[in-house]
């Protein structure tokens, strides 16, 4: 649809009536914002509770035949206060009573967890004067609980064009039987992306409590720069390595349609935010990086074998060991007679001894060495492609900071460089790399 905008608002954006007022001002400021996807109310302050957490708590209590009155009363008060403050005629008390009864009578965990989005969507649609369309009538899962993308897209394309303005709750859908199923936590991002894809939106806005992506973790780097433009691939790399803000699965529905995503701050609407664009968009930031992200707690298993390159089937046998033990391999840098496997330490747990023994039996290596407590840091950016000196800048920054690099790997796309360091050097490494690429700006 030409110029149609889909806007998703997170839990912090709809935590109380004051936030609802801000959201209404945002939505009504542009008549192209036609389809709105709300999350459940989030925390209003540090000691507060997320509504979804309380609903899951009610489910747990009810499943053990315990009283849910005390916990559910917190939920009731929260929604009733919002409706009262907004002066809505919605019978929220009656709707809450029905939901409470269904949880007490044994409704599913997914049903209970989805009701925060359902209630917020009812309230927001009443407040805006928009049509309410239940997500269970648009977002479909098959009988086995797998998401049904074809049925979902067909239904969205059929139903929404006839609705000028609508509010659709995020996070959940339904099986053919009508049973409610949810996405993983943060799944309202996915709902918004599916709606945007289904209506061929011109843009998908994701409103939250931060002004887009930052070049580095603000807990490590003081006041890191905001990323104004990032591509889907760059975002995927940074999200995989732990950069927060957007549910990574929400990228795929809009990427296929080349629909841009705009991350904006509900509490600071004049901030530029981050625009996530198609990978084919022209690059105008050659010679620099887009962002830095990383994760701690990896184990490196280094394997050496003379004439490894001539041992047909060696890699297959090696990978099979990890596959049969249900362990994912993060990276596999190699040389002619050695290969290193980077594994999340959490996945290894008590399996390490068994895995090492199986490698010895099936692969017959000359030696195996394990290096625990490793961290991976990804330096990401399309501006790095075919640019001389990027690697040197990274390695020089780490050397000047006295940080020993234990591993280096770069993808064939030249989109990122990943370095491995000790856990203890993780924060220092990120700070050093950030400083190296932003020193020019400080000197100006």
Protein backbone atom coordinates (compact mmCIF):
# COMPACT_ATOMS: atom_id res chain seq x y z
CA UNK A 1 0.00 0.00 0.00
CA UNK A 2 1.42 3.35 -1.02
CA UNK A 3 2.67 5.50 1.89
CA UNK A 4 1.14 3.16 4.50
CA UNK A 5 3.08 3.10 7.77
CA UNK A 6 2.97 0.32 10.34
CA UNK A 7 3.98 1.32 13.88
CA UNK A 8 4.79 -1.00 16.76
CA UNK A 9 4.98 0.39 20.31
CA UNK A 10 6.91 -1.47 23.01
CA UNK A 11 5.94 -2.11 26.60
CA UNK A 12 7.71 0.95 27.99
CA UNK A 13 5.88 3.10 25.43
CA UNK A 14 2.52 1.93 26.78
CA UNK A 15 3.29 1.42 30.46
CA UNK A 16 0.73 3.92 31.80
CA UNK A 17 -1.78 6.58 30.75
CA UNK A 18 0.89 9.28 30.31
CA UNK A 19 2.66 7.03 27.82
CA UNK A 20 -0.65 6.36 26.03
CA UNK A 21 -1.00 10.13 25.58
CA UNK A 22 2.45 10.32 23.98
CA UNK A 23 1.64 7.40 21.69
CA UNK A 24 -1.63 8.98 20.57
CA UNK A 25 0.18 12.22 19.71
CA UNK A 26 2.71 10.28 17.64
CA UNK A 27 0.09 8.25 15.77
CA UNK A 28 -2.23 11.16 14.99
CA UNK A 29 0.65 13.38 13.83
CA UNK A 30 0.77 11.41 10.56
CA UNK A 31 -2.39 10.00 8.94
CA UNK A 32 -0.27 7.40 7.12
CA UNK A 33 0.21 5.52 10.40
CA UNK A 34 -2.68 3.15 9.78
CA UNK A 35 -1.81 -0.12 11.51
CA UNK A 36 -0.63 -0.07 15.12
CA UNK A 37 0.84 -3.02 17.05
CA UNK A 38 1.08 -2.63 20.85
CA UNK A 39 3.04 -4.70 23.35
CA UNK A 40 1.83 -5.42 26.89
CA UNK A 41 2.52 -2.70 29.50
CA UNK A 42 6.15 -2.71 30.61
CA UNK A 43 7.80 -1.37 33.73
CA UNK A 44 6.96 2.19 34.82
CA UNK A 45 10.01 2.33 37.09
CA UNK A 46 12.88 0.12 38.22
CA UNK A 47 10.94 -1.73 40.93
CA UNK A 48 7.84 -2.28 38.80
CA UNK A 49 6.60 -5.48 37.12
CA UNK A 50 6.01 -6.22 33.47
CA UNK A 51 2.41 -7.30 32.94
CA UNK A 52 3.45 -10.35 30.90
CA UNK A 53 5.58 -11.58 33.81
CA UNK A 54 2.60 -11.24 36.15
CA UNK A 55 0.35 -13.12 33.73
CA UNK A 56 2.85 -15.98 33.51
CA UNK A 57 2.97 -15.99 37.31
CA UNK A 58 -0.82 -16.32 37.41
CA UNK A 59 -0.62 -19.24 35.01
CA UNK A 60 1.96 -21.00 37.19
CA UNK A 61 -0.12 -20.51 40.32
CA UNK A 62 -3.32 -21.69 38.63
CA UNK A 63 -1.61 -24.75 37.15
CA UNK A 64 -0.75 -25.80 40.72
CA UNK A 65 -4.30 -25.06 41.93
CA UNK A 66 -3.10 -22.07 43.92
CA UNK A 67 -4.91 -18.77 44.44
CA UNK A 68 -4.11 -16.08 41.85
CA UNK A 69 -6.14 -13.26 43.42
CA UNK A 70 -3.21 -11.28 44.86
CA UNK A 71 -1.15 -11.30 41.67
CA UNK A 72 -4.10 -10.76 39.34
CA UNK A 73 -5.28 -7.78 41.40
CA UNK A 74 -2.02 -5.98 40.42
CA UNK A 75 -2.88 -6.60 36.76
CA UNK A 76 -6.47 -5.41 37.25
CA UNK A 77 -5.37 -2.23 39.00
CA UNK A 78 -2.87 -1.40 36.26
CA UNK A 79 -5.37 -1.70 33.39
CA UNK A 80 -8.26 -0.12 35.28
CA UNK A 81 -6.07 2.87 36.19
CA UNK A 82 -5.13 3.37 32.53
CA UNK A 83 -8.76 3.26 31.41
CA UNK A 84 -9.86 5.60 34.18
CA UNK A 85 -7.10 8.12 33.46
CA UNK A 86 -7.94 8.07 29.75
CA UNK A 87 -11.67 8.40 30.50
CA UNK A 88 -12.62 5.36 28.42
CA UNK A 89 -16.04 3.70 28.48
CA UNK A 90 -14.51 0.28 27.77
CA UNK A 91 -15.80 -2.42 30.17
CA UNK A 92 -12.27 -3.33 31.21
CA UNK A 93 -13.40 -4.84 34.53
CA UNK A 94 -15.67 -7.32 32.76
CA UNK A 95 -12.97 -8.28 30.26
CA UNK A 96 -10.45 -8.80 33.07
CA UNK A 97 -12.92 -10.94 35.01
CA UNK A 98 -13.37 -13.22 31.99
CA UNK A 99 -9.59 -13.59 31.50
CA UNK A 100 -9.06 -14.33 35.20
CA UNK A 101 -11.74 -17.04 35.10
CA UNK A 102 -10.18 -18.66 32.02
CA UNK A 103 -6.72 -18.73 33.63
CA UNK A 104 -8.21 -20.27 36.80
CA UNK A 105 -10.01 -22.89 34.72
CA UNK A 106 -6.81 -24.11 33.09
CA UNK A 107 -6.13 -22.04 29.99
CA UNK A 108 -2.73 -22.52 28.34
CA UNK A 109 0.46 -20.68 29.25
CA UNK A 110 0.48 -19.01 25.83
CA UNK A 111 -3.09 -17.78 26.31
CA UNK A 112 -2.25 -16.28 29.71
CA UNK A 113 0.96 -14.68 28.43
CA UNK A 114 -0.79 -13.12 25.42
CA UNK A 115 -3.47 -11.27 27.36
CA UNK A 116 -1.31 -8.23 28.11
CA UNK A 117 -1.04 -7.41 24.41
CA UNK A 118 -4.73 -8.24 23.90
CA UNK A 119 -5.84 -5.85 26.66
CA UNK A 120 -3.49 -3.06 25.64
CA UNK A 121 -4.71 -3.32 22.05
CA UNK A 122 -8.34 -3.09 23.18
CA UNK A 123 -7.54 0.00 25.25
CA UNK A 124 -5.47 1.67 22.54
CA UNK A 125 -8.06 1.03 19.82
CA UNK A 126 -10.77 2.53 22.05
CA UNK A 127 -8.57 5.54 22.85
CA UNK A 128 -7.67 6.18 19.20
CA UNK A 129 -11.07 5.33 17.74
CA UNK A 130 -9.41 2.69 15.52
CA UNK A 131 -10.80 -0.75 14.67
CA UNK A 132 -9.59 -3.61 16.90
CA UNK A 133 -8.51 -6.70 14.96
CA UNK A 134 -7.50 -9.69 17.07
CA UNK A 135 -4.11 -11.16 16.13
CA UNK A 136 -5.61 -14.66 16.32
CA UNK A 137 -7.59 -13.82 13.18
CA UNK A 138 -4.48 -12.72 11.24
CA UNK A 139 -1.41 -14.57 12.52
CA UNK A 140 -1.51 -18.33 12.01
CA UNK A 141 0.34 -21.41 13.22
CA UNK A 142 -0.25 -24.93 11.85
CA UNK A 143 -1.51 -27.91 13.86
CA UNK A 144 2.08 -28.72 14.94
CA UNK A 145 2.63 -25.19 16.26
CA UNK A 146 4.87 -24.04 13.40
CA UNK A 147 4.33 -20.51 12.10
CA UNK A 148 2.33 -20.56 8.83
CA UNK A 149 3.74 -17.67 6.80
CA UNK A 150 1.67 -18.27 3.66
CA UNK A 151 -1.69 -18.38 5.46
CA UNK A 152 -0.72 -15.34 7.54
CA UNK A 153 0.34 -13.20 4.59
CA UNK A 154 -2.76 -14.15 2.61
CA UNK A 155 -5.07 -13.27 5.51
CA UNK A 156 -3.36 -9.94 6.21
CA UNK A 157 -3.53 -8.99 2.53
CA UNK A 158 -7.24 -9.88 2.47
CA UNK A 159 -8.42 -8.31 5.74
CA UNK A 160 -6.39 -5.15 6.36
CA UNK A 161 -6.95 -3.22 3.10
CA UNK A 162 -10.63 -2.93 4.03
CA UNK A 163 -9.73 -1.35 7.38
CA UNK A 164 -8.64 2.28 7.22
CA UNK A 165 -7.09 2.29 10.70
CA UNK A 166 -6.61 -0.68 13.02
CA UNK A 167 -4.88 -1.80 16.20
CA UNK A 168 -3.58 -5.39 16.20
CA UNK A 169 -2.10 -6.91 19.38
CA UNK A 170 1.45 -8.19 19.07
CA UNK A 171 3.15 -11.37 20.28
CA UNK A 172 0.57 -14.05 19.43
CA UNK A 173 -1.51 -15.84 16.83
CA UNK A 174 -3.58 -19.03 16.69
CA UNK A 175 -3.70 -22.60 15.42
CA UNK A 176 -6.53 -23.68 13.06
CA UNK A 177 -8.37 -24.88 16.19
CA UNK A 178 -8.27 -21.36 17.62
CA UNK A 179 -5.72 -22.24 20.30
CA UNK A 180 -3.54 -19.23 21.12
CA UNK A 181 0.20 -19.54 20.49
CA UNK A 182 2.87 -16.92 21.16
CA UNK A 183 6.19 -16.06 19.58
CA UNK A 184 9.27 -15.90 21.82
CA UNK A 185 9.54 -12.95 24.22
CA UNK A 186 9.78 -9.69 22.32
CA UNK A 187 7.61 -11.23 19.63
CA UNK A 188 5.52 -8.10 19.12
CA UNK A 189 8.41 -6.96 16.90
CA UNK A 190 7.69 -9.99 14.71
CA UNK A 191 3.96 -9.24 14.57
CA UNK A 192 4.69 -5.69 13.45
CA UNK A 193 7.06 -6.93 10.74
CA UNK A 194 4.49 -9.44 9.49
CA UNK A 195 1.81 -6.76 9.27
CA UNK A 196 4.22 -4.41 7.47
CA UNK A 197 5.13 -7.15 5.01
CA UNK A 198 1.52 -8.18 4.44
CA UNK A 199 0.35 -4.66 3.56
CA UNK A 200 3.56 -3.76 1.66
CA UNK A 201 4.13 -0.81 4.00
CA UNK A 202 6.39 2.03 2.96
CA UNK A 203 8.05 1.89 6.39
CA UNK A 204 7.87 -0.15 9.60
CA UNK A 205 8.34 2.02 12.71
CA UNK A 206 9.43 0.40 15.94
CA UNK A 207 8.90 2.78 18.89
CA UNK A 208 10.72 1.98 22.11
CA UNK A 209 12.54 3.70 25.00
CA UNK A 210 15.89 4.15 23.24
CA UNK A 211 16.82 6.31 20.27
CA UNK A 212 17.94 3.50 17.99
CA UNK A 213 21.13 1.50 17.93
CA UNK A 214 24.39 2.66 19.46
CA UNK A 215 27.85 1.95 18.06
CA UNK A 216 28.79 0.15 21.27
CA UNK A 217 27.41 -0.94 24.63
CA UNK A 218 26.88 2.23 26.75
CA UNK A 219 27.78 0.17 29.84
CA UNK A 220 31.28 -0.13 28.37
CA UNK A 221 31.71 3.03 26.30
CA UNK A 222 30.63 6.39 27.68
CA UNK A 223 28.06 8.11 25.42
CA UNK A 224 28.63 6.03 22.27
CA UNK A 225 27.50 7.52 18.97
CA UNK A 226 24.08 6.61 17.60
CA UNK A 227 23.89 4.63 14.37
CA UNK A 228 21.70 6.66 12.01
CA UNK A 229 21.67 4.16 9.11
CA UNK A 230 22.34 0.43 9.16
CA UNK A 231 21.64 -2.36 6.66
CA UNK A 232 19.76 -5.59 7.39
CA UNK A 233 22.99 -7.61 7.18
CA UNK A 234 24.85 -5.31 9.53
CA UNK A 235 21.95 -5.45 11.98
CA UNK A 236 21.89 -9.24 11.79
CA UNK A 237 25.60 -9.40 12.65
CA UNK A 238 25.27 -6.99 15.58
CA UNK A 239 22.07 -8.62 16.90
CA UNK A 240 23.67 -12.08 16.78
CA UNK A 241 26.58 -10.78 18.85
CA UNK A 242 24.28 -9.39 21.50
CA UNK A 243 23.34 -5.84 20.48
CA UNK A 244 19.79 -5.28 21.86
CA UNK A 245 16.75 -3.22 20.76
CA UNK A 246 15.03 -5.33 18.07
CA UNK A 247 13.95 -9.00 18.01
CA UNK A 248 16.28 -10.45 15.35
CA UNK A 249 13.55 -12.60 13.75
CA UNK A 250 11.57 -9.45 12.97
CA UNK A 251 14.06 -8.56 10.25
CA UNK A 252 13.14 -11.39 7.90
CA UNK A 253 9.52 -10.53 6.92
CA UNK A 254 10.38 -6.94 5.97
CA UNK A 255 13.75 -7.74 4.43
CA UNK A 256 12.08 -9.88 1.78
CA UNK A 257 9.96 -6.87 0.74
CA UNK A 258 12.83 -4.35 1.13
CA UNK A 259 10.78 -2.38 3.66
CA UNK A 260 12.89 -0.06 5.85
CA UNK A 261 12.62 -0.22 9.63
CA UNK A 262 12.89 2.93 11.71
CA UNK A 263 13.76 2.63 15.42
CA UNK A 264 12.43 5.65 17.33
CA UNK A 265 12.18 6.80 20.95
CA UNK A 266 8.64 7.40 22.24
CA UNK A 267 10.06 9.68 24.93
CA UNK A 268 12.32 11.67 22.58
CA UNK A 269 10.51 11.95 19.26
CA UNK A 270 12.89 14.59 17.89
CA UNK A 271 15.88 12.22 18.11
CA UNK A 272 16.90 10.96 14.68
CA UNK A 273 16.70 7.27 15.57
CA UNK A 274 18.11 4.44 13.45
CA UNK A 275 16.96 3.62 9.93
CA UNK A 276 17.45 0.00 8.89
CA UNK A 277 17.66 -0.19 5.11
CA UNK A 278 18.00 -2.71 2.32
CA UNK A 279 21.40 -4.29 1.79
CA UNK A 280 21.49 -2.96 -1.77
CA UNK A 281 21.25 0.66 -0.65
CA UNK A 282 24.36 2.67 -1.61
CA UNK A 283 27.15 2.98 0.95
CA UNK A 284 28.36 6.50 1.71
CA UNK A 285 30.45 5.76 4.78
CA UNK A 286 33.48 4.03 3.32
CA UNK A 287 36.48 3.57 5.58
CA UNK A 288 34.67 3.36 8.88
CA UNK A 289 32.65 0.87 10.92
CA UNK A 290 28.98 0.73 11.81
CA UNK A 291 29.12 -0.86 15.24
CA UNK A 292 30.86 -3.13 17.74
CA UNK A 293 29.21 -5.93 19.70
CA UNK A 294 30.28 -9.10 21.42
CA UNK A 295 29.68 -11.98 23.79
CA UNK A 296 31.62 -13.58 26.59
CA UNK A 297 32.05 -17.20 27.69
CA UNK A 298 33.21 -19.24 24.74
CA UNK A 299 35.54 -22.23 24.69
CA UNK A 300 38.01 -22.73 21.85
CA UNK A 301 38.92 -26.31 20.97
CA UNK A 302 42.10 -26.29 18.88
CA UNK A 303 42.90 -29.44 16.89
CA UNK A 304 46.17 -30.16 15.08
CA UNK A 305 46.89 -32.98 12.63
CA UNK A 306 49.69 -33.29 10.11
CA UNK A 307 48.37 -33.41 6.52
CA UNK A 308 44.87 -32.55 7.73
CA UNK A 309 44.15 -31.05 4.32
CA UNK A 310 44.76 -34.43 2.67
CA UNK A 311 42.56 -36.37 5.10
CA UNK A 312 39.35 -36.70 3.07
CA UNK A 313 36.30 -36.58 5.36
CA UNK A 314 38.17 -35.14 8.35
CA UNK A 315 35.94 -32.07 8.65
CA UNK A 316 32.79 -34.13 8.17
CA UNK A 317 33.77 -36.50 10.98
CA UNK A 318 34.73 -33.59 13.23
CA UNK A 319 31.46 -31.71 12.69
CA UNK A 320 29.47 -34.94 13.16
CA UNK A 321 30.86 -35.26 16.70
CA UNK A 322 29.32 -31.92 17.62
CA UNK A 323 26.09 -32.61 15.73
CA UNK A 324 25.47 -35.90 17.53
CA UNK A 325 26.05 -34.16 20.86
CA UNK A 326 23.59 -31.38 19.91
CA UNK A 327 26.25 -28.65 20.13
CA UNK A 328 26.27 -25.71 17.71
CA UNK A 329 29.61 -24.45 16.37
CA UNK A 330 29.94 -20.66 16.35
CA UNK A 331 33.07 -20.34 14.17
CA UNK A 332 35.75 -22.57 12.64
CA UNK A 333 38.93 -20.66 11.74
CA UNK A 334 41.53 -23.01 10.23
CA UNK A 335 45.01 -23.37 8.73
CA UNK A 336 46.54 -26.13 6.64
CA UNK A 337 47.20 -28.50 9.57
CA UNK A 338 44.93 -27.14 12.30
CA UNK A 339 41.38 -26.06 12.97
CA UNK A 340 39.80 -24.27 15.92
CA UNK A 341 36.18 -24.66 16.94
CA UNK A 342 34.57 -21.86 18.93
CA UNK A 343 31.74 -23.14 21.10
CA UNK A 344 29.48 -21.44 23.61
CA UNK A 345 30.68 -22.69 27.00
CA UNK A 346 27.05 -22.93 28.11
CA UNK A 347 26.39 -25.57 25.44
CA UNK A 348 29.41 -27.67 26.40
CA UNK A 349 28.74 -27.98 30.15
CA UNK A 350 29.39 -31.61 31.14
CA UNK A 351 29.74 -32.73 27.50
CA UNK A 352 33.32 -31.50 27.02
CA UNK A 353 35.07 -34.69 28.15
CA UNK A 354 32.81 -36.85 25.95
CA UNK A 355 33.29 -34.59 22.92
CA UNK A 356 37.08 -34.60 23.25
CA UNK A 357 37.15 -38.39 23.52
CA UNK A 358 34.99 -38.80 20.42
CA UNK A 359 37.23 -36.41 18.46
CA UNK A 360 40.24 -38.56 19.40
CA UNK A 361 38.48 -41.75 18.34
CA UNK A 362 36.98 -40.59 15.03
CA UNK A 363 39.48 -37.95 13.86
CA UNK A 364 42.76 -39.23 15.33
CA UNK A 365 44.34 -35.76 15.74
CA UNK A 366 47.95 -35.20 16.81
CA UNK A 367 46.83 -32.90 19.62
CA UNK A 368 43.76 -31.21 21.13
CA UNK A 369 43.98 -28.09 23.28
CA UNK A 370 41.13 -26.27 25.01
CA UNK A 371 41.07 -22.55 25.77
CA UNK A 372 38.17 -21.58 28.08
CA UNK A 373 36.97 -18.12 29.13
CA UNK A 374 37.12 -16.58 25.68
CA UNK A 375 35.10 -13.62 24.38
CA UNK A 376 34.21 -12.82 20.78
CA UNK A 377 34.00 -9.24 19.52
CA UNK A 378 32.49 -8.41 16.13
CA UNK A 379 33.48 -5.20 14.35
CA UNK A 380 30.76 -4.69 11.72
CA UNK A 381 30.28 -2.34 8.79
CA UNK A 382 29.78 -2.22 5.04
CA UNK A 383 32.18 0.72 5.05
CA UNK A 384 34.92 -1.83 5.76
CA UNK A 385 34.53 -3.57 2.40
CA UNK A 386 37.63 -3.21 0.21
CA UNK A 387 38.93 -0.49 2.54
CA UNK A 388 42.64 -0.69 3.36
CA UNK A 389 43.81 -0.30 6.93
CA UNK A 390 40.65 -1.32 8.83
CA UNK A 391 42.21 -4.50 10.24
CA UNK A 392 45.42 -2.67 11.10
CA UNK A 393 43.46 -0.03 12.98
CA UNK A 394 41.67 -2.67 15.05
CA UNK A 395 44.79 -4.67 15.86
CA UNK A 396 46.87 -1.58 16.63
CA UNK A 397 44.22 -0.30 19.04
CA UNK A 398 44.22 -3.64 20.89
CA UNK A 399 48.02 -3.79 20.95
CA UNK A 400 48.30 -0.28 22.43
CA UNK A 401 45.84 -1.34 25.13
CA UNK A 402 47.94 -4.40 25.98
CA UNK A 403 45.25 -6.84 24.84
CA UNK A 404 46.35 -10.15 23.35
CA UNK A 405 44.31 -11.34 20.35
CA UNK A 406 43.70 -15.09 20.58
CA UNK A 407 41.74 -15.52 17.36
CA UNK A 408 40.92 -13.60 14.16
CA UNK A 409 38.29 -14.45 11.55
CA UNK A 410 36.67 -12.48 8.74
CA UNK A 411 33.66 -13.47 6.66
CA UNK A 412 33.95 -13.68 2.88
CA UNK A 413 31.55 -10.73 2.56
CA UNK A 414 34.09 -8.52 4.37
CA UNK A 415 31.17 -7.23 6.43
CA UNK A 416 32.78 -8.02 9.78
CA UNK A 417 35.98 -8.90 11.55
CA UNK A 418 35.71 -11.07 14.65
CA UNK A 419 38.47 -11.18 17.22
CA UNK A 420 38.76 -13.50 20.18
CA UNK A 421 40.17 -12.26 23.48
CA UNK A 422 40.15 -13.41 27.08
CA UNK A 423 36.94 -12.70 29.01
CA UNK A 424 38.93 -10.38 31.26
CA UNK A 425 39.92 -8.24 28.26
CA UNK A 426 36.40 -8.00 26.78
CA UNK A 427 35.35 -4.55 27.98
CA UNK A 428 38.79 -3.06 27.39
CA UNK A 429 38.89 -4.41 23.84
CA UNK A 430 35.53 -2.91 22.90
CA UNK A 431 36.48 0.45 24.40
CA UNK A 432 39.83 0.45 22.57
CA UNK A 433 38.30 -0.35 19.17
CA UNK A 434 35.56 2.25 19.61
CA UNK A 435 38.11 4.89 20.56
CA UNK A 436 40.25 4.09 17.50
CA UNK A 437 37.39 4.73 15.08
CA UNK A 438 35.99 7.80 16.82
CA UNK A 439 39.13 9.64 17.82
CA UNK A 440 38.94 11.88 14.76
CA UNK A 441 35.55 13.20 15.85
CA UNK A 442 36.91 14.03 19.31
CA UNK A 443 39.82 15.98 17.88
CA UNK A 444 37.64 18.20 15.68
